[in-house]
N, C-alpha and C. Protein backbone atom coordinates (compact mmCIF):
# COMPACT_ATOMS: atom_id res chain seq x y z
N MET A 1 -22.54 -136.04 243.56
CA MET A 1 -22.71 -136.07 245.25
C MET A 1 -21.44 -136.25 245.71
N ALA A 2 -21.41 -135.10 246.63
CA ALA A 2 -19.98 -135.12 247.35
C ALA A 2 -19.99 -136.04 248.70
N GLY A 3 -18.76 -136.74 248.74
CA GLY A 3 -18.47 -137.80 249.73
C GLY A 3 -18.84 -139.47 248.94
N SER A 4 -19.54 -139.46 247.75
CA SER A 4 -19.76 -140.94 247.11
C SER A 4 -18.48 -141.18 247.01
N PRO A 5 -18.62 -142.66 246.63
CA PRO A 5 -17.28 -143.82 246.58
C PRO A 5 -16.91 -143.08 245.48
N ASP A 6 -16.90 -142.93 244.22
CA ASP A 6 -16.49 -142.43 243.26
C ASP A 6 -15.52 -141.22 243.54
N GLU A 7 -15.75 -140.53 244.28
CA GLU A 7 -14.88 -139.31 244.76
C GLU A 7 -13.60 -139.27 245.68
N THR A 8 -13.59 -140.53 246.35
CA THR A 8 -12.77 -140.29 247.56
C THR A 8 -11.51 -140.32 246.66
N PRO A 9 -10.37 -139.18 247.43
CA PRO A 9 -9.05 -138.85 246.84
C PRO A 9 -8.14 -140.16 246.60
N ARG A 10 -7.43 -140.41 245.73
CA ARG A 10 -6.59 -141.71 245.65
C ARG A 10 -5.55 -140.92 246.10
N PRO A 11 -4.67 -141.96 247.00
CA PRO A 11 -3.67 -141.36 247.36
C PRO A 11 -2.35 -141.65 246.43
N HIS A 12 -1.18 -140.76 246.61
CA HIS A 12 -0.23 -140.81 245.61
C HIS A 12 0.65 -141.84 245.67
N ARG A 13 0.56 -142.86 246.81
CA ARG A 13 1.66 -144.10 246.95
C ARG A 13 0.88 -145.18 246.37
N CYS A 14 1.64 -145.82 246.19
CA CYS A 14 1.08 -147.16 245.68
C CYS A 14 0.05 -148.04 246.60
N ARG A 15 -0.96 -148.54 246.07
CA ARG A 15 -1.72 -149.39 246.91
C ARG A 15 -2.37 -150.64 246.30
N ILE A 16 -1.94 -151.68 247.00
CA ILE A 16 -1.90 -153.21 246.71
C ILE A 16 -2.48 -153.91 247.11
N VAL A 17 -3.36 -154.64 246.72
CA VAL A 17 -4.06 -155.87 247.49
C VAL A 17 -3.71 -157.07 247.45
N LEU A 18 -3.70 -157.54 248.39
CA LEU A 18 -3.69 -159.07 248.68
C LEU A 18 -4.79 -159.86 248.82
N THR A 19 -5.14 -160.73 247.81
CA THR A 19 -6.52 -161.21 247.82
C THR A 19 -6.38 -162.68 247.54
N GLY A 20 -7.71 -163.35 247.48
CA GLY A 20 -7.68 -164.85 246.91
C GLY A 20 -8.82 -165.52 248.05
N GLY A 21 -8.89 -166.77 247.68
CA GLY A 21 -9.93 -167.70 248.44
C GLY A 21 -9.18 -167.60 249.87
N PRO A 22 -10.21 -168.22 250.49
CA PRO A 22 -9.79 -168.33 252.15
C PRO A 22 -8.72 -169.95 252.20
N GLY A 23 -7.55 -169.51 253.21
CA GLY A 23 -6.48 -170.34 253.10
C GLY A 23 -5.49 -170.14 251.96
N GLY A 24 -5.19 -168.74 251.42
CA GLY A 24 -4.23 -168.51 250.38
C GLY A 24 -2.85 -168.24 250.68
N GLY A 25 -3.01 -167.68 252.04
CA GLY A 25 -1.63 -167.50 252.61
C GLY A 25 -1.40 -165.86 252.49
N LYS A 26 -2.13 -165.02 252.04
CA LYS A 26 -2.45 -163.74 251.87
C LYS A 26 -1.64 -162.93 253.03
N THR A 27 -2.40 -163.18 254.18
CA THR A 27 -2.23 -162.44 255.31
C THR A 27 -0.69 -163.05 255.83
N THR A 28 -0.06 -164.13 256.01
CA THR A 28 1.12 -164.18 256.11
C THR A 28 2.14 -163.78 255.01
N ALA A 29 1.86 -163.72 254.03
CA ALA A 29 2.59 -162.80 253.14
C ALA A 29 2.49 -161.44 253.34
N ALA A 30 1.83 -160.70 253.67
CA ALA A 30 1.79 -159.48 254.13
C ALA A 30 2.23 -159.23 255.23
N ASP A 31 2.15 -159.94 256.69
CA ASP A 31 3.23 -160.12 257.53
C ASP A 31 4.92 -159.96 257.01
N LEU A 32 5.01 -161.12 256.38
CA LEU A 32 6.33 -161.15 256.08
C LEU A 32 6.82 -160.16 255.38
N PHE A 33 5.99 -159.59 254.40
CA PHE A 33 6.83 -158.70 253.51
C PHE A 33 6.82 -157.42 254.57
N ARG A 34 5.88 -157.03 255.68
CA ARG A 34 6.29 -155.94 256.45
C ARG A 34 7.31 -155.88 257.22
N ARG A 35 7.46 -157.06 257.69
CA ARG A 35 8.76 -157.31 258.33
C ARG A 35 10.21 -157.11 257.38
N GLU A 36 10.25 -157.40 256.28
CA GLU A 36 11.18 -157.32 255.49
C GLU A 36 11.50 -155.85 254.74
N ILE A 37 10.62 -155.21 254.56
CA ILE A 37 10.53 -154.21 253.75
C ILE A 37 10.60 -152.85 254.88
N GLY A 38 9.97 -152.98 256.15
CA GLY A 38 10.01 -152.21 257.18
C GLY A 38 9.14 -150.74 257.02
N GLU A 39 9.40 -149.85 257.25
CA GLU A 39 8.77 -148.56 257.12
C GLU A 39 8.17 -147.90 255.91
N ARG A 40 8.60 -149.03 254.88
CA ARG A 40 8.36 -148.30 253.56
C ARG A 40 6.96 -148.92 252.98
N VAL A 41 6.23 -149.67 253.87
CA VAL A 41 5.25 -150.32 253.85
C VAL A 41 3.89 -150.04 254.80
N VAL A 42 2.91 -149.88 254.75
CA VAL A 42 1.74 -149.96 255.79
C VAL A 42 0.93 -151.13 255.57
N ILE A 43 0.36 -151.92 256.67
CA ILE A 43 -0.70 -152.90 256.23
C ILE A 43 -2.22 -152.41 256.64
N VAL A 44 -2.95 -152.60 255.57
CA VAL A 44 -4.09 -152.29 255.89
C VAL A 44 -4.97 -153.64 256.31
N PRO A 45 -5.14 -153.79 257.49
CA PRO A 45 -5.73 -155.28 257.68
C PRO A 45 -6.92 -155.48 257.35
N GLU A 46 -7.19 -156.68 257.22
CA GLU A 46 -8.40 -157.24 256.76
C GLU A 46 -9.63 -156.94 257.56
N ALA A 47 -10.78 -156.32 257.22
CA ALA A 47 -12.16 -155.90 257.68
C ALA A 47 -12.62 -156.54 258.25
N ALA A 48 -13.15 -157.69 257.65
CA ALA A 48 -14.03 -158.52 258.13
C ALA A 48 -13.32 -159.11 259.26
N THR A 49 -12.19 -159.64 259.34
CA THR A 49 -11.89 -160.30 260.80
C THR A 49 -11.79 -159.49 261.90
N MET A 50 -11.74 -158.04 261.53
CA MET A 50 -12.01 -157.13 262.64
C MET A 50 -13.37 -157.14 263.12
N ILE A 51 -14.07 -157.16 262.21
CA ILE A 51 -15.67 -156.92 262.21
C ILE A 51 -16.23 -158.00 262.96
N PHE A 52 -15.80 -159.53 262.79
CA PHE A 52 -16.48 -160.73 263.01
C PHE A 52 -15.63 -160.93 264.26
N SER A 53 -14.61 -160.55 264.56
CA SER A 53 -13.78 -161.11 265.65
C SER A 53 -14.39 -159.75 266.76
N GLY A 54 -15.00 -158.85 266.64
CA GLY A 54 -15.42 -157.69 267.40
C GLY A 54 -16.96 -158.27 267.88
N GLY A 55 -17.65 -159.35 267.31
CA GLY A 55 -18.72 -159.84 267.61
C GLY A 55 -20.09 -159.48 267.05
N PHE A 56 -19.70 -158.55 265.59
CA PHE A 56 -20.99 -158.64 264.64
C PHE A 56 -21.67 -159.59 264.19
N PRO A 57 -22.75 -159.80 264.44
CA PRO A 57 -23.84 -160.75 264.01
C PRO A 57 -23.06 -161.60 262.82
N ARG A 58 -23.37 -162.92 262.97
CA ARG A 58 -23.04 -163.70 261.84
C ARG A 58 -23.98 -164.60 261.42
N TYR A 59 -24.96 -164.79 260.77
CA TYR A 59 -25.84 -165.81 260.32
C TYR A 59 -25.83 -165.85 258.80
N SER A 60 -26.38 -166.87 258.42
CA SER A 60 -26.88 -167.56 257.20
C SER A 60 -28.09 -166.76 256.42
N ASP A 61 -28.87 -165.97 256.95
CA ASP A 61 -30.13 -165.63 256.55
C ASP A 61 -29.59 -164.24 255.47
N ILE A 62 -30.13 -163.80 254.17
CA ILE A 62 -29.58 -163.03 253.35
C ILE A 62 -29.37 -161.48 253.87
N ARG A 63 -30.59 -161.23 254.51
CA ARG A 63 -30.20 -159.80 255.14
C ARG A 63 -29.04 -159.55 256.09
N THR A 64 -28.82 -160.37 256.89
CA THR A 64 -27.72 -160.45 257.76
C THR A 64 -26.56 -160.34 256.87
N ARG A 65 -26.30 -161.29 255.85
CA ARG A 65 -25.02 -161.29 255.19
C ARG A 65 -25.24 -160.13 254.23
N GLN A 66 -25.85 -159.61 253.98
CA GLN A 66 -25.93 -158.19 252.98
C GLN A 66 -25.51 -157.36 253.69
N ALA A 67 -26.12 -157.21 255.16
CA ALA A 67 -25.76 -155.96 256.24
C ALA A 67 -24.29 -156.19 256.71
N ALA A 68 -23.82 -157.29 256.66
CA ALA A 68 -22.04 -157.70 257.30
C ALA A 68 -21.42 -157.29 255.96
N GLN A 69 -21.88 -157.31 254.93
CA GLN A 69 -20.68 -156.70 253.50
C GLN A 69 -20.65 -155.87 253.22
N ARG A 70 -21.99 -154.86 253.86
CA ARG A 70 -22.08 -153.35 253.70
C ARG A 70 -21.05 -152.73 254.73
N THR A 71 -21.13 -153.30 255.86
CA THR A 71 -20.38 -153.03 257.12
C THR A 71 -18.64 -152.94 256.76
N ILE A 72 -18.52 -154.41 256.05
CA ILE A 72 -17.09 -154.73 255.88
C ILE A 72 -16.63 -153.62 254.66
N TYR A 73 -17.36 -153.22 253.86
CA TYR A 73 -17.19 -152.68 252.72
C TYR A 73 -16.85 -151.10 253.20
N HIS A 74 -17.27 -150.73 254.17
CA HIS A 74 -17.08 -149.15 254.65
C HIS A 74 -16.17 -149.12 255.50
N VAL A 75 -15.71 -150.15 256.57
CA VAL A 75 -14.54 -150.24 257.36
C VAL A 75 -13.29 -150.19 256.43
N GLN A 76 -13.47 -151.46 255.19
CA GLN A 76 -12.39 -151.38 254.32
C GLN A 76 -11.91 -149.83 254.08
N ARG A 77 -12.74 -149.27 253.75
CA ARG A 77 -12.68 -147.84 252.90
C ARG A 77 -11.91 -146.89 253.83
N ASN A 78 -12.52 -146.82 255.01
CA ASN A 78 -12.17 -146.34 255.84
C ASN A 78 -10.75 -146.57 256.62
N LEU A 79 -10.67 -147.75 256.73
CA LEU A 79 -9.29 -148.20 257.12
C LEU A 79 -8.10 -147.59 255.83
N GLU A 80 -8.37 -148.25 254.50
CA GLU A 80 -7.44 -147.67 253.82
C GLU A 80 -7.02 -145.99 253.89
N ASP A 81 -8.37 -145.19 254.04
CA ASP A 81 -8.19 -143.93 253.76
C ASP A 81 -7.63 -143.47 255.15
N VAL A 82 -7.65 -143.79 256.13
CA VAL A 82 -6.94 -143.59 257.60
C VAL A 82 -5.42 -143.70 257.68
N GLN A 83 -4.88 -144.70 256.74
CA GLN A 83 -3.87 -145.28 256.74
C GLN A 83 -2.80 -144.18 255.30
N ALA A 84 -3.74 -144.06 254.80
CA ALA A 84 -3.53 -143.14 253.52
C ALA A 84 -3.17 -141.67 254.13
N ALA A 85 -3.97 -141.43 254.97
CA ALA A 85 -3.68 -139.90 255.31
C ALA A 85 -2.83 -139.81 256.46
N ARG A 86 -2.24 -140.97 257.27
CA ARG A 86 -1.33 -140.97 258.29
C ARG A 86 -0.16 -141.03 257.57
N TYR A 87 0.25 -141.80 256.63
CA TYR A 87 1.07 -142.31 256.10
C TYR A 87 1.12 -142.24 254.46
N PRO A 88 1.39 -140.61 254.23
CA PRO A 88 1.36 -140.63 252.91
C PRO A 88 1.94 -140.68 251.78
N ASP A 89 3.21 -140.95 252.32
CA ASP A 89 4.57 -141.30 251.61
C ASP A 89 4.98 -142.88 251.48
N ARG A 90 4.02 -143.67 252.43
CA ARG A 90 4.34 -144.93 252.41
C ARG A 90 3.41 -145.53 251.56
N MET A 91 3.74 -147.08 250.88
CA MET A 91 3.00 -148.04 250.21
C MET A 91 1.92 -148.71 251.22
N LEU A 92 0.83 -148.52 250.46
CA LEU A 92 -0.28 -149.53 251.35
C LEU A 92 -0.44 -150.75 250.95
N LEU A 93 -0.42 -151.89 251.60
CA LEU A 93 -0.48 -153.28 251.32
C LEU A 93 -1.82 -153.68 252.00
N CYS A 94 -2.63 -153.83 251.58
CA CYS A 94 -4.02 -153.99 251.79
C CYS A 94 -4.31 -155.62 251.96
N ASP A 95 -4.94 -156.01 253.08
CA ASP A 95 -5.19 -157.50 253.31
C ASP A 95 -6.73 -157.36 252.54
N ARG A 96 -6.95 -157.90 251.86
CA ARG A 96 -8.31 -157.79 250.92
C ARG A 96 -8.66 -156.22 250.40
N GLY A 97 -9.50 -156.05 249.51
CA GLY A 97 -9.87 -154.70 249.38
C GLY A 97 -11.47 -154.36 249.31
N THR A 98 -12.21 -153.48 248.56
CA THR A 98 -13.32 -153.23 248.78
C THR A 98 -13.89 -153.66 247.80
N VAL A 99 -13.30 -154.81 246.78
CA VAL A 99 -14.04 -155.30 245.79
C VAL A 99 -14.29 -156.94 246.35
N ASP A 100 -13.47 -157.25 247.41
CA ASP A 100 -13.79 -158.58 247.73
C ASP A 100 -15.35 -158.87 248.25
N GLY A 101 -15.97 -158.07 248.71
CA GLY A 101 -17.36 -158.02 249.49
C GLY A 101 -18.30 -158.67 248.45
N ALA A 102 -18.09 -158.11 246.81
CA ALA A 102 -18.81 -158.74 245.76
C ALA A 102 -18.76 -160.04 245.49
N ALA A 103 -17.58 -160.68 246.01
CA ALA A 103 -17.84 -162.10 246.10
C ALA A 103 -18.33 -163.15 247.29
N TYR A 104 -18.46 -162.15 248.12
CA TYR A 104 -19.24 -162.67 249.48
C TYR A 104 -20.55 -162.25 249.30
N TRP A 105 -21.16 -161.35 248.52
CA TRP A 105 -22.32 -160.88 248.59
C TRP A 105 -23.37 -161.84 248.18
N PRO A 106 -24.42 -162.18 248.86
CA PRO A 106 -25.50 -163.27 248.72
C PRO A 106 -26.24 -163.06 247.09
N GLY A 107 -25.73 -163.11 246.22
CA GLY A 107 -26.50 -162.83 244.71
C GLY A 107 -25.32 -162.46 244.24
N GLU A 108 -25.49 -161.79 242.79
CA GLU A 108 -24.75 -161.85 241.46
C GLU A 108 -23.91 -160.19 242.29
N THR A 109 -22.58 -160.54 241.69
CA THR A 109 -21.85 -159.50 242.02
C THR A 109 -21.65 -158.20 241.88
N GLU A 110 -22.46 -157.97 240.49
CA GLU A 110 -22.89 -156.74 240.32
C GLU A 110 -23.82 -156.28 241.20
N GLU A 111 -24.85 -156.74 241.96
CA GLU A 111 -25.73 -156.26 243.08
C GLU A 111 -24.96 -155.25 244.07
N PHE A 112 -23.86 -156.26 244.35
CA PHE A 112 -23.20 -155.77 245.57
C PHE A 112 -22.93 -154.23 245.26
N PHE A 113 -22.42 -153.73 244.17
CA PHE A 113 -21.76 -152.55 243.77
C PHE A 113 -23.05 -151.31 243.67
N ALA A 114 -24.01 -152.18 243.34
CA ALA A 114 -25.17 -151.31 242.72
C ALA A 114 -25.73 -151.16 244.27
N ASP A 115 -26.09 -151.91 245.10
CA ASP A 115 -26.43 -151.83 246.34
C ASP A 115 -25.54 -150.56 247.46
N LEU A 116 -24.44 -150.60 247.04
CA LEU A 116 -23.45 -149.59 247.68
C LEU A 116 -23.27 -148.47 247.16
N GLY A 117 -24.07 -148.17 245.97
CA GLY A 117 -24.04 -147.01 244.99
C GLY A 117 -22.84 -146.58 244.14
N THR A 118 -21.93 -147.81 243.99
CA THR A 118 -20.63 -147.46 243.50
C THR A 118 -20.60 -148.83 242.14
N SER A 119 -19.47 -148.98 241.76
CA SER A 119 -19.32 -149.40 240.55
C SER A 119 -18.17 -150.58 240.66
N ALA A 120 -17.72 -151.65 240.05
CA ALA A 120 -16.45 -152.51 239.99
C ALA A 120 -15.42 -151.74 239.41
N GLU A 121 -15.93 -151.28 238.20
CA GLU A 121 -14.74 -150.15 237.88
C GLU A 121 -14.30 -149.08 238.97
N ALA A 122 -15.05 -148.40 239.57
CA ALA A 122 -14.64 -147.20 240.34
C ALA A 122 -13.76 -148.17 241.75
N GLU A 123 -14.28 -149.24 242.31
CA GLU A 123 -13.25 -149.54 243.20
C GLU A 123 -12.04 -150.39 243.04
N ILE A 124 -12.00 -150.81 241.51
CA ILE A 124 -10.71 -151.38 241.03
C ILE A 124 -9.88 -150.15 240.98
N ALA A 125 -10.49 -149.16 240.40
CA ALA A 125 -9.40 -148.19 240.00
C ALA A 125 -8.72 -147.78 241.46
N ARG A 126 -9.22 -147.98 242.93
CA ARG A 126 -8.55 -147.77 243.95
C ARG A 126 -7.33 -148.14 243.87
N TYR A 127 -6.99 -149.28 243.37
CA TYR A 127 -5.63 -149.90 243.62
C TYR A 127 -4.56 -149.80 242.15
N ASP A 128 -3.50 -150.10 242.69
CA ASP A 128 -2.24 -150.07 241.69
C ASP A 128 -1.94 -151.57 241.09
N ALA A 129 -2.20 -152.54 241.99
CA ALA A 129 -2.22 -153.45 241.75
C ALA A 129 -3.00 -154.89 242.64
N VAL A 130 -2.85 -156.00 242.00
CA VAL A 130 -3.75 -156.95 242.63
C VAL A 130 -2.82 -158.49 242.79
N ILE A 131 -2.30 -158.65 243.92
CA ILE A 131 -1.93 -160.25 243.80
C ILE A 131 -2.94 -161.24 244.38
N PHE A 132 -3.29 -161.98 243.63
CA PHE A 132 -4.14 -162.99 243.82
C PHE A 132 -3.83 -164.44 244.39
N PHE A 133 -3.73 -164.78 245.84
CA PHE A 133 -3.15 -165.73 246.31
C PHE A 133 -4.61 -167.06 246.03
N GLU A 134 -4.30 -167.90 245.25
CA GLU A 134 -5.14 -168.93 245.18
C GLU A 134 -4.89 -169.83 246.09
N SER A 135 -6.42 -170.09 246.71
CA SER A 135 -6.61 -171.23 248.14
C SER A 135 -6.31 -172.21 247.71
N ALA A 136 -5.77 -172.66 248.66
CA ALA A 136 -4.98 -174.33 249.01
C ALA A 136 -6.36 -175.41 248.62
N ALA A 137 -7.44 -174.85 248.88
CA ALA A 137 -8.58 -175.64 248.79
C ALA A 137 -8.55 -176.22 247.20
N VAL A 138 -8.41 -175.17 246.64
CA VAL A 138 -8.22 -175.48 245.04
C VAL A 138 -7.49 -176.69 244.60
N GLY A 139 -6.44 -176.68 245.51
CA GLY A 139 -5.73 -177.97 245.35
C GLY A 139 -5.80 -179.27 246.25
N GLY A 140 -7.07 -178.87 246.74
CA GLY A 140 -7.58 -180.52 247.80
C GLY A 140 -7.12 -180.53 249.21
N MET A 141 -6.18 -179.22 249.57
CA MET A 141 -5.60 -179.20 250.67
C MET A 141 -6.52 -178.41 252.00
N GLY A 142 -6.30 -178.99 253.03
CA GLY A 142 -6.72 -177.92 254.03
C GLY A 142 -6.72 -176.84 254.24
N ILE A 143 -7.66 -175.77 254.54
CA ILE A 143 -7.60 -174.41 255.04
C ILE A 143 -7.40 -173.95 256.42
N GLU A 144 -7.35 -175.05 257.28
CA GLU A 144 -7.45 -174.30 258.79
C GLU A 144 -5.65 -173.95 258.81
N GLY A 145 -6.41 -172.99 260.08
CA GLY A 145 -5.46 -171.78 260.29
C GLY A 145 -5.54 -171.19 261.60
N GLY A 146 -4.97 -170.09 261.41
CA GLY A 146 -4.87 -169.39 262.85
C GLY A 146 -6.22 -168.04 262.75
N ASN A 147 -6.82 -167.99 261.78
CA ASN A 147 -7.69 -167.00 261.74
C ASN A 147 -9.14 -167.90 262.34
N PRO A 148 -9.68 -167.71 263.53
CA PRO A 148 -10.86 -168.21 264.26
C PRO A 148 -12.16 -167.69 263.44
N VAL A 149 -12.55 -166.88 262.78
CA VAL A 149 -13.30 -166.27 262.20
C VAL A 149 -13.88 -167.26 260.66
N ARG A 150 -12.55 -167.99 260.31
CA ARG A 150 -12.93 -168.77 259.03
C ARG A 150 -13.80 -169.67 259.15
N LYS A 151 -15.12 -169.62 258.65
CA LYS A 151 -16.03 -170.73 258.69
C LYS A 151 -15.99 -171.74 257.47
N GLU A 152 -15.58 -171.24 256.26
CA GLU A 152 -15.72 -171.98 254.79
C GLU A 152 -15.20 -173.27 254.86
N SER A 153 -16.12 -174.24 254.34
CA SER A 153 -15.75 -175.70 254.00
C SER A 153 -14.84 -175.47 252.73
N LEU A 154 -14.27 -176.68 252.43
CA LEU A 154 -13.06 -176.49 251.12
C LEU A 154 -14.16 -176.35 249.83
N GLU A 155 -15.61 -176.97 249.77
CA GLU A 155 -16.14 -176.41 248.73
C GLU A 155 -16.71 -175.16 248.62
N GLU A 156 -16.77 -174.45 249.39
CA GLU A 156 -17.15 -173.38 249.90
C GLU A 156 -15.87 -172.42 249.35
N ALA A 157 -14.71 -172.67 249.93
CA ALA A 157 -13.52 -172.02 249.55
C ALA A 157 -13.06 -172.08 248.11
N VAL A 158 -13.44 -173.16 247.49
CA VAL A 158 -13.11 -173.45 246.52
C VAL A 158 -14.23 -172.43 245.56
N ALA A 159 -15.55 -172.38 246.07
CA ALA A 159 -16.30 -171.17 244.96
C ALA A 159 -16.02 -169.67 245.51
N LEU A 160 -15.59 -169.61 246.48
CA LEU A 160 -15.02 -168.13 246.79
C LEU A 160 -14.02 -167.60 246.08
N ASP A 161 -13.09 -168.75 246.17
CA ASP A 161 -11.89 -168.47 244.96
C ASP A 161 -12.21 -168.10 243.59
N ALA A 162 -13.40 -168.92 242.96
CA ALA A 162 -13.48 -168.52 241.59
C ALA A 162 -14.19 -166.91 241.68
N ARG A 163 -15.16 -166.84 242.56
CA ARG A 163 -15.65 -165.50 242.71
C ARG A 163 -14.95 -164.43 242.44
N LEU A 164 -13.97 -164.75 243.46
CA LEU A 164 -12.85 -163.61 243.57
C LEU A 164 -12.05 -163.26 242.45
N ARG A 165 -11.71 -164.45 241.92
CA ARG A 165 -10.45 -164.30 240.74
C ARG A 165 -11.37 -163.36 239.53
N LEU A 166 -12.81 -164.19 239.65
CA LEU A 166 -13.55 -163.34 238.11
C LEU A 166 -13.91 -161.83 238.36
N VAL A 167 -13.87 -161.38 239.72
CA VAL A 167 -14.53 -159.96 240.06
C VAL A 167 -12.78 -159.15 239.42
N TRP A 168 -11.88 -159.59 240.39
CA TRP A 168 -10.71 -159.30 240.52
C TRP A 168 -9.92 -159.17 238.94
N SER A 169 -10.05 -159.87 238.68
CA SER A 169 -9.32 -160.29 237.31
C SER A 169 -9.51 -159.12 236.16
N ARG A 170 -10.09 -158.10 236.41
CA ARG A 170 -10.63 -157.18 235.63
C ARG A 170 -9.55 -155.88 235.63
N HIS A 171 -8.74 -155.93 236.72
CA HIS A 171 -7.77 -155.14 237.13
C HIS A 171 -6.75 -155.20 235.78
N PRO A 172 -5.90 -154.35 235.20
CA PRO A 172 -4.98 -154.30 234.45
C PRO A 172 -3.70 -155.01 235.00
N ARG A 173 -3.56 -154.83 236.46
CA ARG A 173 -2.19 -155.39 236.78
C ARG A 173 -2.64 -156.61 238.01
N PHE A 174 -3.16 -157.60 237.22
CA PHE A 174 -3.51 -158.74 238.16
C PHE A 174 -3.00 -159.85 238.11
N VAL A 175 -2.16 -160.01 238.96
CA VAL A 175 -0.95 -161.10 238.97
C VAL A 175 -1.55 -162.31 239.96
N VAL A 176 -1.70 -163.58 239.37
CA VAL A 176 -1.83 -164.73 240.49
C VAL A 176 -1.08 -165.59 240.84
N VAL A 177 -0.99 -165.70 242.16
CA VAL A 177 0.19 -166.94 242.80
C VAL A 177 -0.79 -168.20 243.14
N ASN A 178 -0.31 -169.05 242.25
CA ASN A 178 -1.01 -170.43 242.17
C ASN A 178 -0.76 -171.39 243.27
N HIS A 179 -1.65 -172.19 243.60
CA HIS A 179 -1.33 -173.07 244.50
C HIS A 179 -0.25 -173.65 244.43
N HIS A 180 0.11 -173.97 245.36
CA HIS A 180 1.76 -175.28 245.30
C HIS A 180 1.85 -176.00 246.68
N PRO A 181 2.02 -177.16 246.37
CA PRO A 181 2.20 -178.45 247.73
C PRO A 181 3.16 -177.57 248.90
N SER A 182 3.84 -176.57 248.27
CA SER A 182 5.33 -176.19 249.29
C SER A 182 4.36 -174.62 249.60
N PHE A 183 3.87 -174.50 250.83
CA PHE A 183 3.34 -173.21 251.21
C PHE A 183 4.61 -172.27 251.26
N PHE A 184 5.99 -172.79 251.59
CA PHE A 184 7.24 -172.20 251.73
C PHE A 184 7.28 -171.17 250.30
N GLN A 185 7.31 -172.35 249.05
CA GLN A 185 7.63 -172.00 247.83
C GLN A 185 6.64 -170.71 247.39
N LYS A 186 5.25 -171.33 247.74
CA LYS A 186 3.84 -170.13 247.16
C LYS A 186 4.30 -168.97 247.87
N ILE A 187 4.67 -168.54 249.22
CA ILE A 187 4.97 -167.39 249.80
C ILE A 187 6.24 -166.61 249.20
N THR A 188 7.17 -167.54 248.72
CA THR A 188 8.03 -166.99 248.12
C THR A 188 8.03 -166.29 246.91
N ARG A 189 7.25 -167.07 246.08
CA ARG A 189 6.75 -166.78 244.64
C ARG A 189 5.77 -165.51 245.09
N GLY A 190 4.86 -165.27 246.17
CA GLY A 190 4.10 -164.21 246.18
C GLY A 190 5.25 -162.92 246.89
N LEU A 191 6.25 -162.99 247.42
CA LEU A 191 7.18 -162.47 247.82
C LEU A 191 7.83 -161.38 247.01
N ASP A 192 8.01 -162.52 245.61
CA ASP A 192 9.13 -162.03 244.58
C ASP A 192 7.96 -160.82 243.84
N ILE A 193 6.84 -161.25 243.83
CA ILE A 193 5.94 -160.65 242.80
C ILE A 193 5.82 -159.08 243.29
N LEU A 194 5.67 -159.15 244.51
CA LEU A 194 5.90 -158.19 245.77
C LEU A 194 6.78 -156.85 245.31
N HIS A 195 8.08 -157.26 245.20
CA HIS A 195 9.43 -156.73 245.34
C HIS A 195 9.31 -156.22 243.77
N GLU A 196 8.89 -156.87 242.58
CA GLU A 196 8.88 -156.53 241.30
C GLU A 196 7.74 -155.14 241.07
N LEU A 197 6.73 -155.42 241.80
CA LEU A 197 5.46 -154.35 241.82
C LEU A 197 6.19 -153.09 242.35
N ILE A 198 6.79 -153.23 243.63
CA ILE A 198 7.16 -152.28 244.22
C ILE A 198 8.37 -151.54 243.33
N GLY A 199 9.26 -152.19 243.11
CA GLY A 199 10.41 -151.81 242.06
C GLY A 199 9.86 -150.92 241.12
N ASP A 200 8.89 -151.79 240.41
CA ASP A 200 8.02 -151.02 238.80
C ASP A 200 7.59 -149.72 239.49
N HIS A 201 7.10 -149.44 240.62
CA HIS A 201 6.20 -148.33 241.08
C HIS A 201 7.50 -147.38 241.80
N GLU A 202 8.52 -147.62 242.26
CA GLU A 202 9.42 -146.61 242.53
C GLU A 202 10.09 -145.96 241.31
N ILE A 203 10.36 -146.79 240.32
CA ILE A 203 11.06 -146.36 238.96
C ILE A 203 10.26 -145.32 238.30
N SER A 204 8.98 -145.80 238.15
CA SER A 204 7.91 -144.85 237.63
C SER A 204 7.75 -143.43 238.17
N ARG A 205 7.82 -143.49 239.76
CA ARG A 205 7.73 -142.37 240.32
C ARG A 205 8.96 -141.56 240.62
N ASP A 206 10.30 -141.73 240.01
CA ASP A 206 11.21 -141.47 240.33
C ASP A 206 11.82 -140.03 239.60
N PRO A 207 11.50 -138.95 239.94
CA PRO A 207 11.55 -137.60 239.61
C PRO A 207 13.32 -137.21 238.72
N SER A 208 13.95 -137.76 239.58
CA SER A 208 15.57 -137.43 239.66
C SER A 208 15.82 -137.80 237.54
N PRO A 209 16.53 -136.71 237.06
CA PRO A 209 17.04 -136.89 235.80
C PRO A 209 17.79 -137.94 235.31
N PRO A 210 18.02 -138.49 234.31
CA PRO A 210 18.94 -139.54 234.12
C PRO A 210 20.63 -138.99 233.99
N PRO A 211 21.46 -139.60 234.05
CA PRO A 211 22.88 -139.30 234.55
C PRO A 211 23.35 -138.59 232.98
N PRO A 212 24.03 -137.82 233.19
CA PRO A 212 24.61 -137.07 232.04
C PRO A 212 25.87 -138.40 231.13
N ALA A 213 25.51 -138.32 229.62
CA ALA A 213 25.98 -138.94 229.13
C ALA A 213 27.73 -138.80 228.99
N ASN A 214 28.65 -139.64 228.81
CA ASN A 214 30.11 -139.64 229.22
C ASN A 214 30.35 -138.79 227.87
């Protein structure tokens, strides 16, 4: 069927997801990387933050939670597609991806994909690589930060971290940035991984022939 999730065109540029449990540092890493690399990268902001900050109802009953995840999924896809269309020659750095909703879905993760008429494999294939920032809650540290829509307790953050890791780890280029007592060292590690991934991608896309032998 035309317009189904599986048929959305892939961009020809690299698309990398930054994900992980609440309080992992992914948003900070994305912003720092954008500042460092400049116009070669475009940030796709976290859809959930945009939606909940805009006043979308947020209650604990199952139907409301399901409606919220459906909304986040569609907004996330369209945000990525808009940025890919506007900047076809730039790398997309996504603050979460369409797969994240499966971890927040009130039920089994596969139910999320079935409800939306897609599959985990189809959504994972949208991305060239996944960098997973493990939540500070896994190390027993607080996850308070500057995001006013974050509502999870430490226990909930740990559980979400595990569910997110399980579904995203199916990606063939899944890299984990483990929790570290030093937030600076953790972010530095994440930035190093981003540099490596982008370097590998640029080499694979370079159409120039090798220099002639002497």
